[in-house]
């Protein structure tokens, strides 16, 4: 009969949630995971869900879409 896998302790579970393993110069290193919201990167979440008022209040003007940028597909011929 094969050997049963052991369960992880609470400390091991916490460590696994907070850190991830990467390779640097052929060696494993443990680094903190980047923060996420609902599985998305924080910047991506803000771009998808923030309204213009919130972006303006938090001085994130680079994420704001302006009407001038979206209407550039029109031709610039006068009348």
PDB file of N, CA and C in Angstrom:
ATOM      1  N   UNK A   1       0.849  -1.171   0.000  1.00  0.00           N
ATOM      2  CA  UNK A   1       0.000   0.000   0.000  1.00  0.00           C
ATOM      3  C   UNK A   1       0.898   1.239   0.000  1.00  0.00           C
ATOM      4  N   UNK A   2       0.603   2.228  -0.886  1.00  0.00           N
ATOM      5  CA  UNK A   2       1.458   3.414  -0.961  1.00  0.00           C
ATOM      6  C   UNK A   2       1.336   4.293   0.276  1.00  0.00           C
ATOM      7  N   UNK A   3       2.376   5.057   0.475  1.00  0.00           N
ATOM      8  CA  UNK A   3       2.427   5.965   1.607  1.00  0.00           C
ATOM      9  C   UNK A   3       1.468   7.136   1.389  1.00  0.00           C
ATOM     10  N   UNK A   4       0.739   7.560   2.420  1.00  0.00           N
ATOM     11  CA  UNK A   4      -0.206   8.675   2.306  1.00  0.00           C
ATOM     12  C   UNK A   4       0.526  10.001   2.436  1.00  0.00           C
ATOM     13  N   UNK A   5       0.025  11.008   1.691  1.00  0.00           N
ATOM     14  CA  UNK A   5       0.608  12.341   1.793  1.00  0.00           C
ATOM     15  C   UNK A   5       0.238  12.951   3.123  1.00  0.00           C
ATOM     16  N   UNK A   6       1.155  13.706   3.688  1.00  0.00           N
ATOM     17  CA  UNK A   6       0.850  14.353   4.957  1.00  0.00           C
ATOM     18  C   UNK A   6       0.159  15.685   4.683  1.00  0.00           C
ATOM     19  N   UNK A   7      -0.631  16.119   5.630  1.00  0.00           N
ATOM     20  CA  UNK A   7      -1.318  17.399   5.496  1.00  0.00           C
ATOM     21  C   UNK A   7      -0.372  18.519   5.879  1.00  0.00           C
ATOM     22  N   UNK A   8      -0.574  19.684   5.265  1.00  0.00           N
ATOM     23  CA  UNK A   8       0.261  20.840   5.593  1.00  0.00           C
ATOM     24  C   UNK A   8      -0.191  21.469   6.894  1.00  0.00           C
ATOM     25  N   UNK A   9       0.760  21.996   7.616  1.00  0.00           N
ATOM     26  CA  UNK A   9       0.432  22.673   8.861  1.00  0.00           C
ATOM     27  C   UNK A   9      -0.083  24.078   8.536  1.00  0.00           C
ATOM     28  N   UNK A  10      -0.657  24.745   9.512  1.00  0.00           N
ATOM     29  CA  UNK A  10      -1.188  26.088   9.307  1.00  0.00           C
ATOM     30  C   UNK A  10      -0.081  27.063   8.896  1.00  0.00           C
ATOM     31  N   UNK A  11       1.092  26.906   9.490  1.00  0.00           N
ATOM     32  CA  UNK A  11       2.215  27.781   9.138  1.00  0.00           C
ATOM     33  C   UNK A  11       2.643  27.560   7.689  1.00  0.00           C
ATOM     34  N   UNK A  12       2.661  26.321   7.234  1.00  0.00           N
ATOM     35  CA  UNK A  12       3.031  26.032   5.848  1.00  0.00           C
ATOM     36  C   UNK A  12       2.002  26.591   4.874  1.00  0.00           C
ATOM     37  N   UNK A  13       0.729  26.498   5.209  1.00  0.00           N
ATOM     38  CA  UNK A  13      -0.328  27.041   4.358  1.00  0.00           C
ATOM     39  C   UNK A  13      -0.193  28.556   4.237  1.00  0.00           C
ATOM     40  N   UNK A  14       0.063  29.216   5.365  1.00  0.00           N
ATOM     41  CA  UNK A  14       0.208  30.672   5.371  1.00  0.00           C
ATOM     42  C   UNK A  14       1.420  31.084   4.538  1.00  0.00           C
ATOM     43  N   UNK A  15       2.522  30.378   4.714  1.00  0.00           N
ATOM     44  CA  UNK A  15       3.748  30.681   3.971  1.00  0.00           C
ATOM     45  C   UNK A  15       3.517  30.509   2.476  1.00  0.00           C
ATOM     46  N   UNK A  16       2.779  29.484   2.098  1.00  0.00           N
ATOM     47  CA  UNK A  16       2.518  29.224   0.684  1.00  0.00           C
ATOM     48  C   UNK A  16       1.628  30.304   0.060  1.00  0.00           C
ATOM     49  N   UNK A  17       0.672  30.843   0.846  1.00  0.00           N
ATOM     50  CA  UNK A  17      -0.189  31.919   0.354  1.00  0.00           C
ATOM     51  C   UNK A  17       0.569  33.227   0.197  1.00  0.00           C
ATOM     52  N   UNK A  18       1.489  33.521   1.119  1.00  0.00           N
ATOM     53  CA  UNK A  18       2.179  34.810   1.123  1.00  0.00           C
ATOM     54  C   UNK A  18       3.400  34.869   0.214  1.00  0.00           C
ATOM     55  N   UNK A  19       4.052  33.763  -0.040  1.00  0.00           N
ATOM     56  CA  UNK A  19       5.294  33.745  -0.805  1.00  0.00           C
ATOM     57  C   UNK A  19       5.171  32.856  -2.027  1.00  0.00           C
ATOM     58  N   UNK A  20       6.008  33.131  -3.028  1.00  0.00           N
ATOM     59  CA  UNK A  20       6.107  32.263  -4.191  1.00  0.00           C
ATOM     60  C   UNK A  20       7.578  31.971  -4.448  1.00  0.00           C
ATOM     61  N   UNK A  21       7.847  30.893  -5.129  1.00  0.00           N
ATOM     62  CA  UNK A  21       9.211  30.475  -5.394  1.00  0.00           C
ATOM     63  C   UNK A  21       9.587  30.836  -6.819  1.00  0.00           C
ATOM     64  N   UNK A  22      10.736  31.511  -6.984  1.00  0.00           N
ATOM     65  CA  UNK A  22      11.251  31.843  -8.306  1.00  0.00           C
ATOM     66  C   UNK A  22      12.682  31.331  -8.391  1.00  0.00           C
ATOM     67  N   UNK A  23      13.201  31.279  -9.608  1.00  0.00           N
ATOM     68  CA  UNK A  23      14.585  30.857  -9.809  1.00  0.00           C
ATOM     69  C   UNK A  23      15.433  32.061 -10.178  1.00  0.00           C
ATOM     70  N   UNK A  24      16.556  32.240  -9.483  1.00  0.00           N
ATOM     71  CA  UNK A  24      17.514  33.292  -9.775  1.00  0.00           C
ATOM     72  C   UNK A  24      18.887  32.632  -9.870  1.00  0.00           C
ATOM     73  N   UNK A  25      19.499  32.729 -11.036  1.00  0.00           N
ATOM     74  CA  UNK A  25      20.806  32.108 -11.286  1.00  0.00           C
ATOM     75  C   UNK A  25      20.816  30.619 -10.939  1.00  0.00           C
ATOM     76  N   UNK A  26      19.743  29.927 -11.267  1.00  0.00           N
ATOM     77  CA  UNK A  26      19.668  28.491 -11.040  1.00  0.00           C
ATOM     78  C   UNK A  26      19.381  28.088  -9.611  1.00  0.00           C
ATOM     79  N   UNK A  27      19.084  29.044  -8.750  1.00  0.00           N
ATOM     80  CA  UNK A  27      18.769  28.733  -7.353  1.00  0.00           C
ATOM     81  C   UNK A  27      17.355  29.197  -7.041  1.00  0.00           C
ATOM     82  N   UNK A  28      16.696  28.468  -6.162  1.00  0.00           N
ATOM     83  CA  UNK A  28      15.345  28.839  -5.764  1.00  0.00           C
ATOM     84  C   UNK A  28      15.392  29.951  -4.724  1.00  0.00           C
ATOM     85  N   UNK A  29      14.542  30.939  -4.920  1.00  0.00           N
ATOM     86  CA  UNK A  29      14.409  32.029  -3.955  1.00  0.00           C
ATOM     87  C   UNK A  29      12.926  32.190  -3.637  1.00  0.00           C
ATOM     88  N   UNK A  30      12.643  32.500  -2.388  1.00  0.00           N
ATOM     89  CA  UNK A  30      11.259  32.723  -1.978  1.00  0.00           C
ATOM     90  C   UNK A  30      11.039  34.226  -1.852  1.00  0.00           C
ATOM     91  N   UNK A  31      10.054  34.742  -2.592  1.00  0.00           N
ATOM     92  CA  UNK A  31       9.747  36.171  -2.585  1.00  0.00           C
ATOM     93  C   UNK A  31       8.264  36.358  -2.281  1.00  0.00           C
ATOM     94  N   UNK A  32       7.915  37.537  -1.750  1.00  0.00           N
ATOM     95  CA  UNK A  32       6.519  37.828  -1.455  1.00  0.00           C
ATOM     96  C   UNK A  32       5.723  37.915  -2.748  1.00  0.00           C
ATOM     97  N   UNK A  33       4.509  37.434  -2.716  1.00  0.00           N
ATOM     98  CA  UNK A  33       3.626  37.523  -3.876  1.00  0.00           C
ATOM     99  C   UNK A  33       3.181  38.962  -4.071  1.00  0.00           C
ATOM    100  N   UNK A  34       2.966  39.380  -5.325  1.00  0.00           N
ATOM    101  CA  UNK A  34       2.451  40.727  -5.552  1.00  0.00           C
ATOM    102  C   UNK A  34       0.993  40.807  -5.099  1.00  0.00           C
ATOM    103  N   UNK A  35       0.556  41.959  -4.617  1.00  0.00           N
ATOM    104  CA  UNK A  35      -0.829  42.073  -4.147  1.00  0.00           C
ATOM    105  C   UNK A  35      -1.822  41.941  -5.302  1.00  0.00           C
ATOM    106  N   UNK A  36      -2.932  41.266  -5.046  1.00  0.00           N
ATOM    107  CA  UNK A  36      -3.965  41.081  -6.052  1.00  0.00           C
ATOM    108  C   UNK A  36      -5.333  41.348  -5.448  1.00  0.00           C
ATOM    109  N   UNK A  37      -6.280  41.698  -6.305  1.00  0.00           N
ATOM    110  CA  UNK A  37      -7.678  41.869  -5.918  1.00  0.00           C
ATOM    111  C   UNK A  37      -8.482  40.969  -6.839  1.00  0.00           C
ATOM    112  N   UNK A  38      -9.194  40.022  -6.284  1.00  0.00           N
ATOM    113  CA  UNK A  38      -9.986  39.056  -7.056  1.00  0.00           C
ATOM    114  C   UNK A  38      -9.145  38.362  -8.116  1.00  0.00           C
ATOM    115  N   UNK A  39      -7.886  38.101  -7.821  1.00  0.00           N
ATOM    116  CA  UNK A  39      -7.010  37.401  -8.745  1.00  0.00           C
ATOM    117  C   UNK A  39      -6.408  38.277  -9.825  1.00  0.00           C
ATOM    118  N   UNK A  40      -6.715  39.578  -9.817  1.00  0.00           N
ATOM    119  CA  UNK A  40      -6.182  40.507 -10.814  1.00  0.00           C
ATOM    120  C   UNK A  40      -5.125  41.389 -10.159  1.00  0.00           C
ATOM    121  N   UNK A  41      -4.185  41.853 -10.962  1.00  0.00           N
ATOM    122  CA  UNK A  41      -3.199  42.815 -10.484  1.00  0.00           C
ATOM    123  C   UNK A  41      -3.929  44.088 -10.056  1.00  0.00           C
ATOM    124  N   UNK A  42      -3.409  44.789  -9.068  1.00  0.00           N
ATOM    125  CA  UNK A  42      -4.079  45.970  -8.519  1.00  0.00           C
ATOM    126  C   UNK A  42      -4.269  47.039  -9.590  1.00  0.00           C
ATOM    127  N   UNK A  43      -3.239  47.318 -10.406  1.00  0.00           N
ATOM    128  CA  UNK A  43      -3.362  48.339 -11.445  1.00  0.00           C
ATOM    129  C   UNK A  43      -4.410  47.966 -12.488  1.00  0.00           C
ATOM    130  N   UNK A  44      -4.442  46.698 -12.863  1.00  0.00           N
ATOM    131  CA  UNK A  44      -5.429  46.236 -13.838  1.00  0.00           C
ATOM    132  C   UNK A  44      -6.846  46.345 -13.270  1.00  0.00           C
ATOM    133  N   UNK A  45      -7.007  46.026 -12.003  1.00  0.00           N
ATOM    134  CA  UNK A  45      -8.317  46.134 -11.351  1.00  0.00           C
ATOM    135  C   UNK A  45      -8.801  47.587 -11.342  1.00  0.00           C
ATOM    136  N   UNK A  46      -7.884  48.512 -11.037  1.00  0.00           N
ATOM    137  CA  UNK A  46      -8.248  49.925 -11.010  1.00  0.00           C
ATOM    138  C   UNK A  46      -8.643  50.393 -12.406  1.00  0.00           C
ATOM    139  N   UNK A  47      -7.885  50.004 -13.432  1.00  0.00           N
ATOM    140  CA  UNK A  47      -8.211  50.415 -14.799  1.00  0.00           C
ATOM    141  C   UNK A  47      -9.582  49.916 -15.230  1.00  0.00           C
ATOM    142  N   UNK A  48      -9.952  48.719 -14.815  1.00  0.00           N
ATOM    143  CA  UNK A  48     -11.230  48.145 -15.232  1.00  0.00           C
ATOM    144  C   UNK A  48     -12.417  48.691 -14.453  1.00  0.00           C
ATOM    145  N   UNK A  49     -12.240  49.025 -13.173  1.00  0.00           N
ATOM    146  CA  UNK A  49     -13.393  49.305 -12.324  1.00  0.00           C
ATOM    147  C   UNK A  49     -13.517  50.730 -11.809  1.00  0.00           C
ATOM    148  N   UNK A  50     -12.522  51.565 -11.969  1.00  0.00           N
ATOM    149  CA  UNK A  50     -12.585  52.911 -11.399  1.00  0.00           C
ATOM    150  C   UNK A  50     -13.357  53.850 -12.320  1.00  0.00           C
ATOM    151  N   UNK A  51     -14.117  54.747 -11.712  1.00  0.00           N
ATOM    152  CA  UNK A  51     -14.816  55.757 -12.493  1.00  0.00           C
ATOM    153  C   UNK A  51     -13.949  57.022 -12.561  1.00  0.00           C
ATOM    154  N   UNK A  52     -14.236  57.916 -13.493  1.00  0.00           N
ATOM    155  CA  UNK A  52     -13.389  59.104 -13.682  1.00  0.00           C
ATOM    156  C   UNK A  52     -13.283  59.993 -12.437  1.00  0.00           C
ATOM    157  N   UNK A  53     -14.335  60.090 -11.650  1.00  0.00           N
ATOM    158  CA  UNK A  53     -14.294  60.927 -10.458  1.00  0.00           C
ATOM    159  C   UNK A  53     -13.282  60.379  -9.458  1.00  0.00           C
ATOM    160  N   UNK A  54     -13.309  59.064  -9.232  1.00  0.00           N
ATOM    161  CA  UNK A  54     -12.366  58.442  -8.291  1.00  0.00           C
ATOM    162  C   UNK A  54     -10.933  58.602  -8.791  1.00  0.00           C
ATOM    163  N   UNK A  55     -10.732  58.414 -10.096  1.00  0.00           N
ATOM    164  CA  UNK A  55      -9.389  58.567 -10.664  1.00  0.00           C
ATOM    165  C   UNK A  55      -8.883  59.995 -10.479  1.00  0.00           C
ATOM    166  N   UNK A  56      -9.765  60.972 -10.675  1.00  0.00           N
ATOM    167  CA  UNK A  56      -9.371  62.366 -10.510  1.00  0.00           C
ATOM    168  C   UNK A  56      -9.043  62.677  -9.052  1.00  0.00           C
ATOM    169  N   UNK A  57      -9.856  62.164  -8.119  1.00  0.00           N
ATOM    170  CA  UNK A  57      -9.612  62.412  -6.699  1.00  0.00           C
ATOM    171  C   UNK A  57      -8.293  61.818  -6.233  1.00  0.00           C
ATOM    172  N   UNK A  58      -7.884  60.714  -6.826  1.00  0.00           N
ATOM    173  CA  UNK A  58      -6.642  60.052  -6.439  1.00  0.00           C
ATOM    174  C   UNK A  58      -5.475  60.375  -7.373  1.00  0.00           C
ATOM    175  N   UNK A  59      -5.657  61.400  -8.202  1.00  0.00           N
ATOM    176  CA  UNK A  59      -4.618  61.903  -9.097  1.00  0.00           C
ATOM    177  C   UNK A  59      -4.041  60.833 -10.011  1.00  0.00           C
ATOM    178  N   UNK A  60      -4.905  60.017 -10.584  1.00  0.00           N
ATOM    179  CA  UNK A  60      -4.492  58.975 -11.529  1.00  0.00           C
ATOM    180  C   UNK A  60      -4.974  59.358 -12.925  1.00  0.00           C
ATOM    181  N   UNK A  61      -4.551  60.526 -13.397  1.00  0.00           N
ATOM    182  CA  UNK A  61      -5.036  61.049 -14.660  1.00  0.00           C
ATOM    183  C   UNK A  61      -4.573  60.217 -15.846  1.00  0.00           C
ATOM    184  N   UNK A  62      -3.483  59.489 -15.714  1.00  0.00           N
ATOM    185  CA  UNK A  62      -3.002  58.697 -16.842  1.00  0.00           C
ATOM    186  C   UNK A  62      -3.944  57.545 -17.186  1.00  0.00           C
ATOM    187  N   UNK A  63      -4.807  57.144 -16.267  1.00  0.00           N
ATOM    188  CA  UNK A  63      -5.755  56.064 -16.526  1.00  0.00           C
ATOM    189  C   UNK A  63      -7.089  56.571 -17.052  1.00  0.00           C
ATOM    190  N   UNK A  64      -7.287  57.881 -17.042  1.00  0.00           N
ATOM    191  CA  UNK A  64      -8.566  58.439 -17.472  1.00  0.00           C
ATOM    192  C   UNK A  64      -8.653  58.470 -18.993  1.00  0.00           C
ATOM    193  N   UNK A  65      -9.811  58.069 -19.524  1.00  0.00           N
ATOM    194  CA  UNK A  65     -10.081  58.200 -20.949  1.00  0.00           C
ATOM    195  C   UNK A  65     -10.809  59.511 -21.157  1.00  0.00           C
ATOM    196  N   UNK A  66     -10.322  60.293 -22.076  1.00  0.00           N
ATOM    197  CA  UNK A  66     -11.004  61.542 -22.383  1.00  0.00           C
ATOM    198  C   UNK A  66     -11.732  61.385 -23.705  1.00  0.00           C
ATOM    199  N   UNK A  67     -12.737  62.186 -23.903  1.00  0.00           N
ATOM    200  CA  UNK A  67     -13.519  62.097 -25.130  1.00  0.00           C
ATOM    201  C   UNK A  67     -12.693  62.503 -26.338  1.00  0.00           C
ATOM    202  N   UNK A  68     -11.710  63.388 -26.156  1.00  0.00           N
ATOM    203  CA  UNK A  68     -10.877  63.809 -27.273  1.00  0.00           C
ATOM    204  C   UNK A  68     -10.077  62.634 -27.818  1.00  0.00           C
ATOM    205  N   UNK A  69      -9.626  61.751 -26.948  1.00  0.00           N
ATOM    206  CA  UNK A  69      -8.831  60.608 -27.397  1.00  0.00           C
ATOM    207  C   UNK A  69      -9.694  59.583 -28.111  1.00  0.00           C
ATOM    208  N   UNK A  70     -10.931  59.396 -27.684  1.00  0.00           N
ATOM    209  CA  UNK A  70     -11.775  58.374 -28.284  1.00  0.00           C
ATOM    210  C   UNK A  70     -12.379  58.830 -29.603  1.00  0.00           C
ATOM    211  N   UNK A  71     -12.479  60.160 -29.847  1.00  0.00           N
ATOM    212  CA  UNK A  71     -13.078  60.672 -31.072  1.00  0.00           C
ATOM    213  C   UNK A  71     -12.043  60.981 -32.147  1.00  0.00           C
ATOM    214  N   UNK A  72     -10.847  60.501 -32.054  1.00  0.00           N
ATOM    215  CA  UNK A  72      -9.810  60.800 -33.038  1.00  0.00           C
ATOM    216  C   UNK A  72      -9.978  60.004 -34.322  1.00  0.00           C
ATOM    217  N   UNK A  73     -10.895  59.027 -34.342  1.00  0.00           N
ATOM    218  CA  UNK A  73     -11.098  58.239 -35.567  1.00  0.00           C
ATOM    219  C   UNK A  73     -11.840  59.009 -36.638  1.00  0.00           C
ATOM    220  N   UNK A  74     -12.532  60.085 -36.295  1.00  0.00           N
ATOM    221  CA  UNK A  74     -13.259  60.878 -37.275  1.00  0.00           C
ATOM    222  C   UNK A  74     -12.272  61.594 -38.191  1.00  0.00           C
ATOM    223  N   UNK A  75     -12.718  61.838 -39.407  1.00  0.00           N
ATOM    224  CA  UNK A  75     -11.858  62.574 -40.315  1.00  0.00           C
ATOM    225  C   UNK A  75     -11.885  64.053 -39.952  1.00  0.00           C
ATOM    226  N   UNK A  76     -10.805  64.720 -40.202  1.00  0.00           N
ATOM    227  CA  UNK A  76     -10.670  66.128 -39.803  1.00  0.00           C
ATOM    228  C   UNK A  76     -11.006  67.083 -40.951  1.00  0.00           C
ATOM    229  N   UNK A  77     -11.898  66.692 -41.838  1.00  0.00           N
ATOM    230  CA  UNK A  77     -12.261  67.582 -42.932  1.00  0.00           C
ATOM    231  C   UNK A  77     -13.328  68.556 -42.466  1.00  0.00           C
ATOM    232  N   UNK A  78     -13.135  69.836 -42.716  1.00  0.00           N
ATOM    233  CA  UNK A  78     -14.153  70.808 -42.294  1.00  0.00           C
ATOM    234  C   UNK A  78     -15.367  70.738 -43.221  1.00  0.00           C
ATOM    235  N   UNK A  79     -16.512  70.682 -42.712  1.00  0.00           N
ATOM    236  CA  UNK A  79     -17.818  70.663 -43.396  1.00  0.00           C
ATOM    237  C   UNK A  79     -17.738  69.933 -44.681  1.00  0.00           C
TER     238      UNK A  79
END
